Amino acid sequence: MIDSGPLYEFVFRGQLAEYALDEAGRSKHHLGQLDSEIASSLSLDVLDPELVDAARRMSTVYTAIAAFENAVRRFVVKVLLEQVGADWWLTKVSDRIRKQAETRRNDEETTKWHAQRGDNLIEYTEIGALANIMEQNWDHFEPHVRSIEWAKSIFRSIERSRNVIMHSGRLDLEDIARVGLHIRDWVKQVGT
């Protein structure tokens, strides 16, 4: 008989998280390895190895979350471009969301020495704004998304984990598994 104690549950959750990340399109040959040139430029060798290792583990989760967010952006653009046309940003996105994105882009443009997020205003939206865009245009998204409440729930949960990682925190395996589960559910429902 298999022992189903805490160690078993810990390992099982880790395996579930690994599976979910693989299913979400994780590239296995790059994970867990930092490009040596980048690592050297960042002076990782002078930082506490324990802190670097913890951050490296969270970078795998960040990779999945960043890919997910960008996949959602791509999905929103694809649906609205196909259904509405090239002027979808002006005609189907609220003034509030457009102004927030424009403000972020304009702010980044004033810092000319630093790279910017991208060329399209959708790249300056937060994941919650993406849910709002879908809700404002529900007739176009309803055939693809189970319900807007479902999408918002997924986005809120993933954003919570994203915020922990982006502010140098660490997720436990249960939180990581939840991220993987949400990503897998989204991809099964909506596609990549």
Protein backbone atom coordinates (compact mmCIF):
# COMPACT_ATOMS: atom_id res chain seq x y z
CA MET A 1 0.00 0.00 0.00
CA ILE A 2 1.20 3.50 -0.85
CA ASP A 3 1.72 5.91 2.03
CA SER A 4 -0.47 8.96 1.39
CA GLY A 5 1.10 11.16 4.03
CA PRO A 6 2.45 14.71 3.68
CA LEU A 7 5.58 13.69 1.74
CA TYR A 8 3.53 11.77 -0.82
CA GLU A 9 1.16 14.74 -1.23
CA PHE A 10 4.09 17.14 -1.59
CA VAL A 11 5.69 15.04 -4.35
CA PHE A 12 2.35 14.44 -6.09
CA ARG A 13 1.54 18.16 -6.16
CA GLY A 14 4.97 18.88 -7.59
CA GLN A 15 4.40 16.31 -10.32
CA LEU A 16 1.00 17.86 -11.09
CA ALA A 17 2.58 21.29 -11.37
CA GLU A 18 5.28 19.93 -13.69
CA TYR A 19 2.64 18.23 -15.84
CA ALA A 20 0.53 21.40 -16.00
CA LEU A 21 3.51 23.50 -17.04
CA ASP A 22 4.42 20.95 -19.73
CA GLU A 23 0.84 20.92 -21.00
CA ALA A 24 0.87 24.72 -21.12
CA GLY A 25 3.80 24.57 -23.54
CA ARG A 26 6.83 24.87 -21.30
CA SER A 27 10.07 24.40 -23.17
CA LYS A 28 11.98 21.71 -21.32
CA HIS A 29 15.43 22.33 -22.73
CA HIS A 30 15.70 25.86 -21.29
CA LEU A 31 14.15 25.47 -17.88
CA GLY A 32 16.36 25.44 -14.84
CA GLN A 33 19.28 26.83 -16.79
CA LEU A 34 20.30 30.45 -16.83
CA ASP A 35 22.14 31.67 -19.86
CA SER A 36 25.71 32.05 -18.62
CA GLU A 37 26.25 35.37 -20.38
CA ILE A 38 23.11 36.85 -18.84
CA ALA A 39 23.98 35.42 -15.43
CA SER A 40 27.43 36.98 -15.66
CA SER A 41 26.01 40.37 -16.68
CA LEU A 42 23.68 40.27 -13.70
CA SER A 43 26.47 39.45 -11.23
CA LEU A 44 24.58 36.46 -9.87
CA ASP A 45 27.85 35.04 -8.62
CA VAL A 46 28.13 37.79 -5.97
CA LEU A 47 24.65 37.20 -4.54
CA ASP A 48 23.66 34.70 -1.86
CA PRO A 49 23.39 31.31 -3.63
CA GLU A 50 20.35 30.32 -1.55
CA LEU A 51 18.48 33.44 -2.66
CA VAL A 52 19.51 32.93 -6.29
CA ASP A 53 18.31 29.32 -6.16
CA ALA A 54 14.94 30.33 -4.69
CA ALA A 55 14.51 33.02 -7.36
CA ARG A 56 15.50 30.55 -10.08
CA ARG A 57 12.74 28.17 -8.93
CA MET A 58 10.19 30.98 -9.06
CA SER A 59 11.43 32.00 -12.51
CA THR A 60 9.91 28.80 -13.87
CA VAL A 61 6.53 29.83 -12.49
CA TYR A 62 7.00 33.35 -13.83
CA THR A 63 7.70 31.87 -17.28
CA ALA A 64 4.38 30.03 -17.24
CA ILE A 65 2.45 33.08 -16.00
CA ALA A 66 4.05 35.48 -18.50
CA ALA A 67 3.34 33.08 -21.37
CA PHE A 68 -0.24 32.70 -20.16
CA GLU A 69 -0.83 36.47 -19.93
CA ASN A 70 0.55 36.99 -23.42
CA ALA A 71 -1.54 34.09 -24.75
CA VAL A 72 -4.66 35.77 -23.32
CA ARG A 73 -3.65 39.06 -24.98
CA ARG A 74 -3.15 37.25 -28.28
CA PHE A 75 -6.55 35.57 -27.87
CA VAL A 76 -8.32 38.89 -27.21
CA VAL A 77 -6.65 40.50 -30.23
CA LYS A 78 -7.44 37.52 -32.49
CA VAL A 79 -11.12 37.37 -31.56
CA LEU A 80 -11.73 41.10 -31.83
CA LEU A 81 -9.68 41.49 -35.00
CA GLU A 82 -11.63 38.67 -36.67
CA GLN A 83 -15.04 39.78 -35.37
CA VAL A 84 -14.75 43.58 -35.43
CA GLY A 85 -11.83 44.53 -37.63
CA ALA A 86 -8.66 46.57 -37.34
CA ASP A 87 -10.27 49.41 -35.37
CA TRP A 88 -11.33 47.11 -32.50
CA TRP A 89 -9.08 48.91 -29.97
CA LEU A 90 -10.86 52.22 -30.59
CA THR A 91 -14.40 50.88 -30.95
CA LYS A 92 -14.53 47.95 -28.51
CA VAL A 93 -12.26 48.90 -25.60
CA SER A 94 -13.49 51.29 -22.93
CA ASP A 95 -11.98 54.75 -22.60
CA ARG A 96 -10.72 53.88 -19.10
CA ILE A 97 -8.72 50.84 -20.29
CA ARG A 98 -7.38 52.67 -23.35
CA LYS A 99 -6.29 55.65 -21.23
CA GLN A 100 -4.55 53.40 -18.67
CA ALA A 101 -2.64 51.65 -21.46
CA GLU A 102 -1.73 54.95 -23.13
CA THR A 103 -0.53 56.40 -19.82
CA ARG A 104 1.73 53.39 -19.21
CA ARG A 105 3.13 53.53 -22.73
CA ASN A 106 3.71 57.30 -22.55
CA ASP A 107 5.45 56.88 -19.21
CA GLU A 108 7.77 54.25 -20.65
CA GLU A 109 8.47 56.38 -23.73
CA THR A 110 9.88 59.15 -21.52
CA THR A 111 12.60 56.78 -20.33
CA LYS A 112 14.36 56.45 -23.68
CA TRP A 113 17.33 54.50 -22.34
CA HIS A 114 15.17 51.54 -21.27
CA ALA A 115 13.40 48.90 -23.32
CA GLN A 116 9.63 49.14 -23.55
CA ARG A 117 6.92 46.47 -23.22
CA GLY A 118 5.93 46.48 -26.85
CA ASP A 119 4.45 48.29 -29.80
CA ASN A 120 0.75 47.60 -29.24
CA LEU A 121 -1.35 49.17 -26.51
CA ILE A 122 -2.79 45.76 -25.56
CA GLU A 123 0.69 44.96 -24.24
CA TYR A 124 0.23 47.71 -21.64
CA THR A 125 -2.95 46.22 -20.18
CA GLU A 126 -3.16 44.22 -16.98
CA ILE A 127 -4.79 40.82 -16.95
CA GLY A 128 -7.84 42.18 -15.14
CA ALA A 129 -8.36 44.68 -17.95
CA LEU A 130 -8.30 41.79 -20.43
CA ALA A 131 -11.22 40.23 -18.58
CA ASN A 132 -13.03 43.57 -18.73
CA ILE A 133 -12.45 43.79 -22.49
CA MET A 134 -13.92 40.31 -22.87
CA GLU A 135 -16.89 41.23 -20.70
CA GLN A 136 -17.53 44.44 -22.66
CA ASN A 137 -17.57 42.36 -25.84
CA TRP A 138 -19.12 39.20 -24.47
CA ASP A 139 -21.05 38.40 -27.65
CA HIS A 140 -17.71 37.86 -29.42
CA PHE A 141 -16.11 35.84 -26.60
CA GLU A 142 -19.04 33.73 -25.45
CA PRO A 143 -18.46 31.00 -28.06
CA HIS A 144 -14.92 30.50 -26.74
CA VAL A 145 -14.98 31.17 -22.99
CA ARG A 146 -17.04 29.09 -20.56
CA SER A 147 -18.30 32.20 -18.73
CA ILE A 148 -16.90 35.60 -17.89
CA GLU A 149 -17.02 34.73 -14.19
CA TRP A 150 -14.92 31.64 -14.90
CA ALA A 151 -12.34 33.71 -16.81
CA LYS A 152 -12.20 36.38 -14.11
CA SER A 153 -11.73 33.74 -11.42
CA ILE A 154 -8.79 32.24 -13.29
CA PHE A 155 -7.24 35.64 -13.94
CA ARG A 156 -7.61 36.75 -10.29
CA SER A 157 -5.97 33.57 -9.00
CA ILE A 158 -3.08 33.72 -11.47
CA GLU A 159 -2.62 37.44 -10.86
CA ARG A 160 -2.35 36.81 -7.11
CA SER A 161 0.50 34.33 -7.73
CA ARG A 162 2.07 36.65 -10.30
CA ASN A 163 2.13 39.50 -7.79
CA VAL A 164 3.87 37.35 -5.17
CA ILE A 165 6.59 36.39 -7.64
CA MET A 166 6.97 39.88 -9.12
CA HIS A 167 7.60 41.26 -5.64
CA SER A 168 10.33 38.71 -4.90
CA GLY A 169 8.11 36.33 -2.94
CA ARG A 170 7.96 32.55 -3.09
CA LEU A 171 4.99 30.34 -3.85
CA ASP A 172 4.52 26.97 -2.22
CA LEU A 173 3.88 23.89 -4.32
CA GLU A 174 0.14 24.07 -3.73
CA ASP A 175 0.02 27.57 -5.23
CA ILE A 176 2.22 26.47 -8.13
CA ALA A 177 -0.05 23.50 -8.81
CA ARG A 178 -3.06 25.86 -8.79
CA VAL A 179 -1.41 28.07 -11.41
CA GLY A 180 -0.74 25.03 -13.54
CA LEU A 181 -4.30 23.79 -13.15
CA HIS A 182 -5.74 27.15 -14.19
CA ILE A 183 -3.44 27.38 -17.21
CA ARG A 184 -4.33 23.86 -18.28
CA ASP A 185 -8.08 24.52 -17.86
CA TRP A 186 -7.84 27.74 -19.89
CA VAL A 187 -5.90 26.08 -22.72
CA LYS A 188 -8.35 23.15 -22.85
CA GLN A 189 -11.30 25.55 -23.05
CA VAL A 190 -9.92 28.38 -25.20
CA GLY A 191 -6.77 27.06 -26.85
CA THR A 192 -3.30 28.58 -26.91
